Amino acid sequence: MSGVITRGVFFVHSAPRALCPHVEWAAGSVLEGQTSFDWAAQPAAPGMYRAETSWMGPAGTAARLASALRGWTHLRYEVTEEPSRGVDGGRWSHTPELGIFHTQVDAHGNNVIPEDRVRAAMEHVGDPSRMSRELELALGQAWDDELEPFRYAGAGVPVRWLHRVG
């Protein structure tokens, strides 16, 4: 782990009520207690709840948070980490149907596809449909498609940013 401090956001897009305190506990153990969740009903999935919290910590915190939730099959969540000096940013997305997806994120918020993934997709240049599927997989398109209704349902919910100026 690096000594570089960064920040990010943890979005719980849907969780059954019974898991909410466990999600808070897992996040609090990684974020050293700096979490505050305001759970709200998730309109895209009746009976489910959503929450989000911003965090600040050492680079690699988002990976540790995603790892703490590994195997929690009833959750839909995303964890983001902003790029920082000498460290790539990232986004971890999880759905019950697809499992977890990770992508590096550049300073402008773009997904970064590693060279080997691009080369693997290019092996299917003779089959444009297959090449397109490989690139969509590398971009995490299936995760975005599945999470988008849950993201939209949370639109307008305030996000508390923990920026320190000066």
C-alpha atoms as a PDB file:
ATOM      1  CA  MET A   1       0.000   0.000   0.000  1.00  0.00           C
ATOM      2  CA  SER A   2       1.216   3.443  -0.917  1.00  0.00           C
ATOM      3  CA  GLY A   3       1.481   6.473   1.369  1.00  0.00           C
ATOM      4  CA  VAL A   4      -0.505   8.466  -1.211  1.00  0.00           C
ATOM      5  CA  ILE A   5      -3.914   9.631   0.006  1.00  0.00           C
ATOM      6  CA  THR A   6      -6.847   9.554  -2.388  1.00  0.00           C
ATOM      7  CA  ARG A   7     -10.613   9.585  -2.231  1.00  0.00           C
ATOM      8  CA  GLY A   8     -13.579   7.848  -3.736  1.00  0.00           C
ATOM      9  CA  VAL A   9     -17.212   6.935  -3.357  1.00  0.00           C
ATOM     10  CA  PHE A  10     -18.856   3.703  -2.265  1.00  0.00           C
ATOM     11  CA  PHE A  11     -22.281   3.236  -3.865  1.00  0.00           C
ATOM     12  CA  VAL A  12     -24.534   0.480  -2.557  1.00  0.00           C
ATOM     13  CA  HIS A  13     -27.104   0.327  -5.343  1.00  0.00           C
ATOM     14  CA  SER A  14     -29.232  -2.384  -3.752  1.00  0.00           C
ATOM     15  CA  ALA A  15     -29.057  -4.411  -0.569  1.00  0.00           C
ATOM     16  CA  PRO A  16     -31.656  -6.380   1.355  1.00  0.00           C
ATOM     17  CA  ARG A  17     -32.529  -4.689   4.663  1.00  0.00           C
ATOM     18  CA  ALA A  18     -30.950  -7.546   6.655  1.00  0.00           C
ATOM     19  CA  LEU A  19     -27.552  -6.934   4.996  1.00  0.00           C
ATOM     20  CA  CYS A  20     -27.449  -3.164   5.526  1.00  0.00           C
ATOM     21  CA  PRO A  21     -25.789  -3.257   8.989  1.00  0.00           C
ATOM     22  CA  HIS A  22     -23.307  -5.866   7.757  1.00  0.00           C
ATOM     23  CA  VAL A  23     -22.365  -3.670   4.791  1.00  0.00           C
ATOM     24  CA  GLU A  24     -21.816  -0.766   7.193  1.00  0.00           C
ATOM     25  CA  TRP A  25     -19.653  -2.949   9.441  1.00  0.00           C
ATOM     26  CA  ALA A  26     -17.544  -4.242   6.513  1.00  0.00           C
ATOM     27  CA  ALA A  27     -17.092  -0.739   5.087  1.00  0.00           C
ATOM     28  CA  GLY A  28     -16.320   0.698   8.520  1.00  0.00           C
ATOM     29  CA  SER A  29     -13.618  -1.902   9.110  1.00  0.00           C
ATOM     30  CA  VAL A  30     -11.867  -0.921   5.856  1.00  0.00           C
ATOM     31  CA  LEU A  31     -12.500   2.808   6.168  1.00  0.00           C
ATOM     32  CA  GLU A  32     -11.562   2.831   9.849  1.00  0.00           C
ATOM     33  CA  GLY A  33     -14.987   3.925  11.018  1.00  0.00           C
ATOM     34  CA  GLN A  34     -15.296   6.987   8.777  1.00  0.00           C
ATOM     35  CA  THR A  35     -18.566   5.814   7.246  1.00  0.00           C
ATOM     36  CA  SER A  36     -22.004   7.281   7.541  1.00  0.00           C
ATOM     37  CA  PHE A  37     -24.811   5.576   5.645  1.00  0.00           C
ATOM     38  CA  ASP A  38     -28.233   7.089   5.079  1.00  0.00           C
ATOM     39  CA  TRP A  39     -30.187   4.132   3.760  1.00  0.00           C
ATOM     40  CA  ALA A  40     -33.101   4.859   1.432  1.00  0.00           C
ATOM     41  CA  ALA A  41     -35.556   2.636  -0.394  1.00  0.00           C
ATOM     42  CA  GLN A  42     -34.305   1.631  -3.852  1.00  0.00           C
ATOM     43  CA  PRO A  43     -37.141   2.428  -6.300  1.00  0.00           C
ATOM     44  CA  ALA A  44     -35.629   0.168  -8.977  1.00  0.00           C
ATOM     45  CA  ALA A  45     -35.931  -2.871  -6.673  1.00  0.00           C
ATOM     46  CA  PRO A  46     -38.812  -2.830  -4.199  1.00  0.00           C
ATOM     47  CA  GLY A  47     -37.761  -4.163  -0.807  1.00  0.00           C
ATOM     48  CA  MET A  48     -34.107  -3.210  -1.389  1.00  0.00           C
ATOM     49  CA  TYR A  49     -32.157  -0.255   0.000  1.00  0.00           C
ATOM     50  CA  ARG A  50     -29.489   2.042  -1.372  1.00  0.00           C
ATOM     51  CA  ALA A  51     -26.820   4.246   0.185  1.00  0.00           C
ATOM     52  CA  GLU A  52     -23.604   5.978  -0.744  1.00  0.00           C
ATOM     53  CA  THR A  53     -20.721   7.427   1.151  1.00  0.00           C
ATOM     54  CA  SER A  54     -17.572   9.233   0.154  1.00  0.00           C
ATOM     55  CA  TRP A  55     -14.263   8.238   1.683  1.00  0.00           C
ATOM     56  CA  MET A  56     -10.656   9.367   1.908  1.00  0.00           C
ATOM     57  CA  GLY A  57      -7.731   7.070   2.555  1.00  0.00           C
ATOM     58  CA  PRO A  58      -4.549   5.482   1.249  1.00  0.00           C
ATOM     59  CA  ALA A  59      -4.362   4.434  -2.395  1.00  0.00           C
ATOM     60  CA  GLY A  60      -5.722   0.907  -2.650  1.00  0.00           C
ATOM     61  CA  THR A  61      -8.578   1.511  -0.223  1.00  0.00           C
ATOM     62  CA  ALA A  62     -11.229   0.884  -2.902  1.00  0.00           C
ATOM     63  CA  ALA A  63      -9.685  -2.499  -3.731  1.00  0.00           C
ATOM     64  CA  ARG A  64      -9.728  -3.419  -0.037  1.00  0.00           C
ATOM     65  CA  LEU A  65     -13.352  -2.346   0.237  1.00  0.00           C
ATOM     66  CA  ALA A  66     -14.381  -4.387  -2.824  1.00  0.00           C
ATOM     67  CA  SER A  67     -12.475  -7.363  -1.392  1.00  0.00           C
ATOM     68  CA  ALA A  68     -14.285  -7.024   1.944  1.00  0.00           C
ATOM     69  CA  LEU A  69     -17.586  -7.438   0.076  1.00  0.00           C
ATOM     70  CA  ARG A  70     -16.383 -10.289  -2.110  1.00  0.00           C
ATOM     71  CA  GLY A  71     -18.896 -13.102  -2.264  1.00  0.00           C
ATOM     72  CA  TRP A  72     -21.835 -11.047  -0.982  1.00  0.00           C
ATOM     73  CA  THR A  73     -24.122 -12.254  -3.732  1.00  0.00           C
ATOM     74  CA  HIS A  74     -27.209 -10.212  -2.835  1.00  0.00           C
ATOM     75  CA  LEU A  75     -25.524  -6.815  -3.275  1.00  0.00           C
ATOM     76  CA  ARG A  76     -25.236  -4.448  -6.195  1.00  0.00           C
ATOM     77  CA  TYR A  77     -22.460  -1.955  -5.556  1.00  0.00           C
ATOM     78  CA  GLU A  78     -19.690   0.143  -7.040  1.00  0.00           C
ATOM     79  CA  VAL A  79     -16.557   1.470  -5.435  1.00  0.00           C
ATOM     80  CA  THR A  80     -14.561   4.233  -7.101  1.00  0.00           C
ATOM     81  CA  GLU A  81     -11.076   5.496  -6.363  1.00  0.00           C
ATOM     82  CA  GLU A  82      -9.686   8.648  -7.924  1.00  0.00           C
ATOM     83  CA  PRO A  83      -6.261   8.504  -9.556  1.00  0.00           C
ATOM     84  CA  SER A  84      -3.525  10.027  -7.447  1.00  0.00           C
ATOM     85  CA  ARG A  85       0.154  10.825  -7.837  1.00  0.00           C
ATOM     86  CA  GLY A  86       1.743   7.683  -9.286  1.00  0.00           C
ATOM     87  CA  VAL A  87      -1.362   5.519  -8.753  1.00  0.00           C
ATOM     88  CA  ASP A  88      -4.120   4.655 -11.227  1.00  0.00           C
ATOM     89  CA  GLY A  89      -7.707   5.179 -10.230  1.00  0.00           C
ATOM     90  CA  GLY A  90     -10.209   2.385 -10.428  1.00  0.00           C
ATOM     91  CA  ARG A  91     -13.805   1.293 -10.368  1.00  0.00           C
ATOM     92  CA  TRP A  92     -15.127  -1.986  -8.989  1.00  0.00           C
ATOM     93  CA  SER A  93     -18.678  -2.947  -9.967  1.00  0.00           C
ATOM     94  CA  HIS A  94     -20.627  -5.906  -8.599  1.00  0.00           C
ATOM     95  CA  THR A  95     -23.977  -7.446  -9.459  1.00  0.00           C
ATOM     96  CA  PRO A  96     -25.464 -10.705  -8.199  1.00  0.00           C
ATOM     97  CA  GLU A  97     -25.756 -12.063 -11.744  1.00  0.00           C
ATOM     98  CA  LEU A  98     -22.342 -11.026 -13.094  1.00  0.00           C
ATOM     99  CA  GLY A  99     -20.068 -10.952 -10.065  1.00  0.00           C
ATOM    100  CA  ILE A 100     -17.318  -8.351  -9.877  1.00  0.00           C
ATOM    101  CA  PHE A 101     -15.681  -6.236 -12.580  1.00  0.00           C
ATOM    102  CA  HIS A 102     -12.656  -3.977 -12.191  1.00  0.00           C
ATOM    103  CA  THR A 103     -11.253  -1.361 -14.505  1.00  0.00           C
ATOM    104  CA  GLN A 104      -8.475   1.151 -14.196  1.00  0.00           C
ATOM    105  CA  VAL A 105      -9.600   4.758 -14.577  1.00  0.00           C
ATOM    106  CA  ASP A 106      -7.480   7.602 -15.912  1.00  0.00           C
ATOM    107  CA  ALA A 107      -7.384  11.194 -14.656  1.00  0.00           C
ATOM    108  CA  HIS A 108     -10.324  12.100 -16.926  1.00  0.00           C
ATOM    109  CA  GLY A 109     -12.579   9.266 -15.725  1.00  0.00           C
ATOM    110  CA  ASN A 110     -12.074   7.045 -18.756  1.00  0.00           C
ATOM    111  CA  ASN A 111     -11.791   3.280 -18.459  1.00  0.00           C
ATOM    112  CA  VAL A 112      -8.305   2.111 -19.384  1.00  0.00           C
ATOM    113  CA  ILE A 113      -8.212  -1.136 -21.332  1.00  0.00           C
ATOM    114  CA  PRO A 114      -4.873  -2.942 -20.978  1.00  0.00           C
ATOM    115  CA  GLU A 115      -2.955  -3.716 -24.160  1.00  0.00           C
ATOM    116  CA  ASP A 116      -3.378  -7.481 -23.806  1.00  0.00           C
ATOM    117  CA  ARG A 117      -7.200  -7.114 -23.712  1.00  0.00           C
ATOM    118  CA  VAL A 118      -7.127  -4.974 -26.875  1.00  0.00           C
ATOM    119  CA  ARG A 119      -4.861  -7.511 -28.606  1.00  0.00           C
ATOM    120  CA  ALA A 120      -7.151 -10.370 -27.556  1.00  0.00           C
ATOM    121  CA  ALA A 121     -10.141  -8.554 -29.056  1.00  0.00           C
ATOM    122  CA  MET A 122      -8.179  -7.827 -32.233  1.00  0.00           C
ATOM    123  CA  GLU A 123      -7.664 -11.566 -32.726  1.00  0.00           C
ATOM    124  CA  HIS A 124     -11.330 -11.597 -33.766  1.00  0.00           C
ATOM    125  CA  VAL A 125     -11.049  -8.891 -36.430  1.00  0.00           C
ATOM    126  CA  GLY A 126     -12.496 -11.374 -38.947  1.00  0.00           C
ATOM    127  CA  ASP A 127     -15.603 -11.701 -36.778  1.00  0.00           C
ATOM    128  CA  PRO A 128     -16.768  -8.152 -35.974  1.00  0.00           C
ATOM    129  CA  SER A 129     -19.558  -9.381 -33.714  1.00  0.00           C
ATOM    130  CA  ARG A 130     -17.119 -11.379 -31.562  1.00  0.00           C
ATOM    131  CA  MET A 131     -14.620  -8.500 -31.541  1.00  0.00           C
ATOM    132  CA  SER A 132     -17.372  -6.167 -30.338  1.00  0.00           C
ATOM    133  CA  ARG A 133     -18.349  -8.611 -27.548  1.00  0.00           C
ATOM    134  CA  GLU A 134     -14.722  -8.842 -26.407  1.00  0.00           C
ATOM    135  CA  LEU A 135     -14.373  -5.048 -26.275  1.00  0.00           C
ATOM    136  CA  GLU A 136     -17.688  -4.716 -24.425  1.00  0.00           C
ATOM    137  CA  LEU A 137     -16.433  -7.251 -21.892  1.00  0.00           C
ATOM    138  CA  ALA A 138     -13.179  -5.301 -21.482  1.00  0.00           C
ATOM    139  CA  LEU A 139     -15.188  -2.114 -20.866  1.00  0.00           C
ATOM    140  CA  GLY A 140     -17.570  -3.770 -18.412  1.00  0.00           C
ATOM    141  CA  GLN A 141     -20.592  -2.964 -20.562  1.00  0.00           C
ATOM    142  CA  ALA A 142     -22.750  -5.733 -19.073  1.00  0.00           C
ATOM    143  CA  TRP A 143     -22.162  -4.349 -15.561  1.00  0.00           C
ATOM    144  CA  ASP A 144     -23.001  -0.820 -16.703  1.00  0.00           C
ATOM    145  CA  ASP A 145     -26.159  -2.064 -18.425  1.00  0.00           C
ATOM    146  CA  GLU A 146     -27.318  -3.909 -15.316  1.00  0.00           C
ATOM    147  CA  LEU A 147     -26.442  -1.126 -12.862  1.00  0.00           C
ATOM    148  CA  GLU A 148     -27.770   1.819 -14.867  1.00  0.00           C
ATOM    149  CA  PRO A 149     -31.411   1.535 -13.670  1.00  0.00           C
ATOM    150  CA  PHE A 150     -30.131   1.452 -10.083  1.00  0.00           C
ATOM    151  CA  ARG A 151     -27.883   4.472 -10.669  1.00  0.00           C
ATOM    152  CA  TYR A 152     -30.746   6.380 -12.255  1.00  0.00           C
ATOM    153  CA  ALA A 153     -33.048   5.528  -9.361  1.00  0.00           C
ATOM    154  CA  GLY A 154     -30.538   7.231  -7.065  1.00  0.00           C
ATOM    155  CA  ALA A 155     -30.323  10.390  -9.170  1.00  0.00           C
ATOM    156  CA  GLY A 156     -30.881  13.510  -7.150  1.00  0.00           C
ATOM    157  CA  VAL A 157     -29.692  11.911  -3.920  1.00  0.00           C
ATOM    158  CA  PRO A 158     -27.083  14.212  -2.375  1.00  0.00           C
ATOM    159  CA  VAL A 159     -23.505  13.015  -2.135  1.00  0.00           C
ATOM    160  CA  ARG A 160     -21.428  14.367   0.742  1.00  0.00           C
ATOM    161  CA  TRP A 161     -17.893  15.095  -0.420  1.00  0.00           C
ATOM    162  CA  LEU A 162     -15.135  15.158   2.181  1.00  0.00           C
ATOM    163  CA  HIS A 163     -12.726  17.651   0.647  1.00  0.00           C
ATOM    164  CA  ARG A 164     -10.329  19.574   2.808  1.00  0.00           C
ATOM    165  CA  VAL A 165      -9.146  22.902   1.429  1.00  0.00           C
ATOM    166  CA  GLY A 166      -5.948  24.511   2.611  1.00  0.00           C
END
